[in-house]
Amino acid sequence: MPTLTGFSVDQVGHRGQWVASPAVQITDGVFAGKLHDRGKDWNSSGATDAHHAVDAVRAECSA
């Protein structure tokens, strides 16, 4: 299955919020999501406590 899109989320800047991904068109009726847990828990100011790269995922489909 080819990759249709990819994006990153500033977890600290969007803590507790839903973040929209780019819209993709699916033509074969199959959707699969792949999540990477490589959160960065520090920056130049110190610890950010952003240990997880993702928490929940929601997909919405329309015709």
N, C-alpha and C. Protein backbone atom coordinates (compact mmCIF):
# COMPACT_ATOMS: atom_id res chain seq x y z
N MET A 1 0.86 -1.17 0.00
CA MET A 1 0.00 0.00 0.00
C MET A 1 0.90 1.23 0.00
N PRO A 2 0.69 2.16 -0.92
CA PRO A 2 1.55 3.35 -0.99
C PRO A 2 1.22 4.35 0.12
N THR A 3 2.19 5.16 0.47
CA THR A 3 1.98 6.24 1.44
C THR A 3 1.32 7.41 0.73
N LEU A 4 0.19 7.88 1.27
CA LEU A 4 -0.54 8.98 0.65
C LEU A 4 -0.17 10.33 1.21
N THR A 5 0.20 10.37 2.48
CA THR A 5 0.60 11.63 3.10
C THR A 5 1.37 11.35 4.38
N GLY A 6 1.97 12.33 4.91
CA GLY A 6 2.66 12.24 6.20
C GLY A 6 2.71 13.63 6.80
N PHE A 7 2.76 13.70 8.12
CA PHE A 7 2.83 15.00 8.78
C PHE A 7 3.33 14.81 10.20
N SER A 8 3.81 15.89 10.77
CA SER A 8 4.28 15.90 12.15
C SER A 8 3.40 16.83 12.97
N VAL A 9 3.37 16.61 14.28
CA VAL A 9 2.56 17.42 15.18
C VAL A 9 3.45 17.97 16.28
N ASP A 10 3.35 19.28 16.53
CA ASP A 10 4.02 19.90 17.66
C ASP A 10 3.20 19.55 18.89
N GLN A 11 3.56 18.46 19.57
CA GLN A 11 2.76 17.95 20.68
C GLN A 11 2.64 18.95 21.81
N VAL A 12 3.71 19.60 22.16
CA VAL A 12 3.67 20.56 23.26
C VAL A 12 2.78 21.75 22.90
N GLY A 13 2.86 22.21 21.67
CA GLY A 13 2.06 23.34 21.23
C GLY A 13 0.58 23.01 21.06
N HIS A 14 0.25 21.72 20.93
CA HIS A 14 -1.13 21.29 20.71
C HIS A 14 -1.61 20.33 21.79
N ARG A 15 -1.02 20.39 22.96
CA ARG A 15 -1.37 19.47 24.05
C ARG A 15 -2.87 19.52 24.35
N GLY A 16 -3.50 18.33 24.35
CA GLY A 16 -4.92 18.23 24.68
C GLY A 16 -5.85 18.64 23.55
N GLN A 17 -5.33 18.81 22.34
CA GLN A 17 -6.15 19.26 21.21
C GLN A 17 -6.14 18.23 20.09
N TRP A 18 -7.20 18.23 19.29
CA TRP A 18 -7.20 17.46 18.05
C TRP A 18 -6.41 18.24 17.02
N VAL A 19 -5.67 17.55 16.19
CA VAL A 19 -4.90 18.18 15.12
C VAL A 19 -5.32 17.54 13.81
N ALA A 20 -5.71 18.35 12.83
CA ALA A 20 -6.16 17.82 11.55
C ALA A 20 -4.96 17.45 10.67
N SER A 21 -5.11 16.33 9.99
CA SER A 21 -4.08 15.92 9.03
C SER A 21 -4.46 16.45 7.66
N PRO A 22 -3.54 16.37 6.71
CA PRO A 22 -3.91 16.71 5.34
C PRO A 22 -4.99 15.75 4.85
N ALA A 23 -5.91 16.24 4.03
CA ALA A 23 -6.95 15.38 3.47
C ALA A 23 -6.34 14.48 2.39
N VAL A 24 -6.82 13.26 2.32
CA VAL A 24 -6.35 12.33 1.28
C VAL A 24 -7.56 11.71 0.59
N GLN A 25 -7.39 11.38 -0.67
CA GLN A 25 -8.45 10.71 -1.43
C GLN A 25 -8.12 9.23 -1.49
N ILE A 26 -9.07 8.41 -1.04
CA ILE A 26 -8.89 6.97 -1.04
C ILE A 26 -9.81 6.39 -2.10
N THR A 27 -9.24 5.67 -3.05
CA THR A 27 -10.04 5.17 -4.18
C THR A 27 -10.31 3.68 -4.13
N ASP A 28 -9.58 2.94 -3.30
CA ASP A 28 -9.77 1.49 -3.29
C ASP A 28 -10.54 0.99 -2.07
N GLY A 29 -11.08 1.91 -1.25
CA GLY A 29 -11.91 1.52 -0.12
C GLY A 29 -11.14 1.03 1.09
N VAL A 30 -9.83 1.23 1.14
CA VAL A 30 -9.01 0.75 2.26
C VAL A 30 -8.26 1.93 2.86
N PHE A 31 -8.31 2.02 4.19
CA PHE A 31 -7.56 3.04 4.90
C PHE A 31 -6.73 2.36 5.98
N ALA A 32 -5.48 2.72 6.08
CA ALA A 32 -4.62 2.22 7.15
C ALA A 32 -3.79 3.40 7.66
N GLY A 33 -3.66 3.50 8.96
CA GLY A 33 -2.84 4.55 9.54
C GLY A 33 -1.64 3.95 10.25
N LYS A 34 -0.51 4.60 10.13
CA LYS A 34 0.71 4.14 10.80
C LYS A 34 1.20 5.28 11.68
N LEU A 35 1.36 5.00 12.95
CA LEU A 35 1.77 6.01 13.91
C LEU A 35 3.16 5.71 14.43
N HIS A 36 3.95 6.73 14.59
CA HIS A 36 5.29 6.57 15.14
C HIS A 36 5.35 7.22 16.51
N ASP A 37 5.80 6.49 17.49
CA ASP A 37 5.95 7.00 18.85
C ASP A 37 7.41 7.42 19.03
N ARG A 38 7.72 8.56 18.53
CA ARG A 38 9.07 9.08 18.71
C ARG A 38 9.01 10.52 19.18
N GLY A 39 8.20 10.70 20.19
CA GLY A 39 8.05 12.04 20.77
C GLY A 39 9.37 12.55 21.33
N LYS A 40 9.57 13.81 21.24
CA LYS A 40 10.79 14.46 21.72
C LYS A 40 10.45 15.11 23.06
N ASP A 41 11.11 14.70 24.12
CA ASP A 41 10.73 15.21 25.44
C ASP A 41 11.66 16.31 25.95
N TRP A 42 12.33 17.00 25.05
CA TRP A 42 13.20 18.09 25.47
C TRP A 42 13.36 19.07 24.32
N ASN A 43 13.73 20.28 24.64
CA ASN A 43 14.12 21.28 23.64
C ASN A 43 15.20 22.16 24.26
N SER A 44 15.54 23.27 23.65
CA SER A 44 16.62 24.10 24.16
C SER A 44 16.31 24.73 25.52
N SER A 45 15.02 24.75 25.91
CA SER A 45 14.64 25.31 27.21
C SER A 45 14.60 24.26 28.31
N GLY A 46 14.73 22.97 27.94
CA GLY A 46 14.68 21.91 28.93
C GLY A 46 13.60 20.90 28.63
N ALA A 47 13.15 20.19 29.66
CA ALA A 47 12.17 19.13 29.50
C ALA A 47 10.80 19.69 29.09
N THR A 48 10.12 18.99 28.17
CA THR A 48 8.78 19.40 27.72
C THR A 48 7.72 18.40 28.14
N ASP A 49 8.13 17.24 28.65
CA ASP A 49 7.22 16.17 29.05
C ASP A 49 6.37 15.66 27.90
N ALA A 50 6.85 15.75 26.69
CA ALA A 50 6.14 15.25 25.50
C ALA A 50 6.71 13.88 25.13
N HIS A 51 6.38 12.87 25.91
CA HIS A 51 6.98 11.56 25.69
C HIS A 51 6.30 10.74 24.60
N HIS A 52 5.03 10.99 24.33
CA HIS A 52 4.30 10.20 23.34
C HIS A 52 4.02 11.04 22.12
N ALA A 53 4.22 10.45 20.95
CA ALA A 53 4.01 11.18 19.71
C ALA A 53 2.54 11.24 19.32
N VAL A 54 1.70 10.35 19.86
CA VAL A 54 0.28 10.36 19.51
C VAL A 54 -0.52 9.71 20.62
N ASP A 55 -1.77 10.09 20.75
CA ASP A 55 -2.62 9.52 21.78
C ASP A 55 -3.85 8.86 21.16
N ALA A 56 -4.63 9.59 20.39
CA ALA A 56 -5.86 9.06 19.80
C ALA A 56 -5.91 9.44 18.33
N VAL A 57 -6.63 8.64 17.55
CA VAL A 57 -6.78 8.90 16.12
C VAL A 57 -8.25 8.79 15.77
N ARG A 58 -8.69 9.71 14.92
CA ARG A 58 -10.08 9.67 14.42
C ARG A 58 -10.03 9.85 12.92
N ALA A 59 -10.76 9.03 12.18
CA ALA A 59 -10.86 9.16 10.73
C ALA A 59 -12.30 9.48 10.37
N GLU A 60 -12.49 10.41 9.47
CA GLU A 60 -13.82 10.77 8.97
C GLU A 60 -13.85 10.52 7.48
N CYS A 61 -14.89 9.87 7.02
CA CYS A 61 -15.04 9.55 5.61
C CYS A 61 -16.24 10.27 5.03
N SER A 62 -16.13 10.69 3.78
CA SER A 62 -17.25 11.31 3.08
C SER A 62 -17.21 10.90 1.62
N ALA A 63 -18.34 10.94 1.00
CA ALA A 63 -18.44 10.55 -0.42
C ALA A 63 -18.20 11.76 -1.30
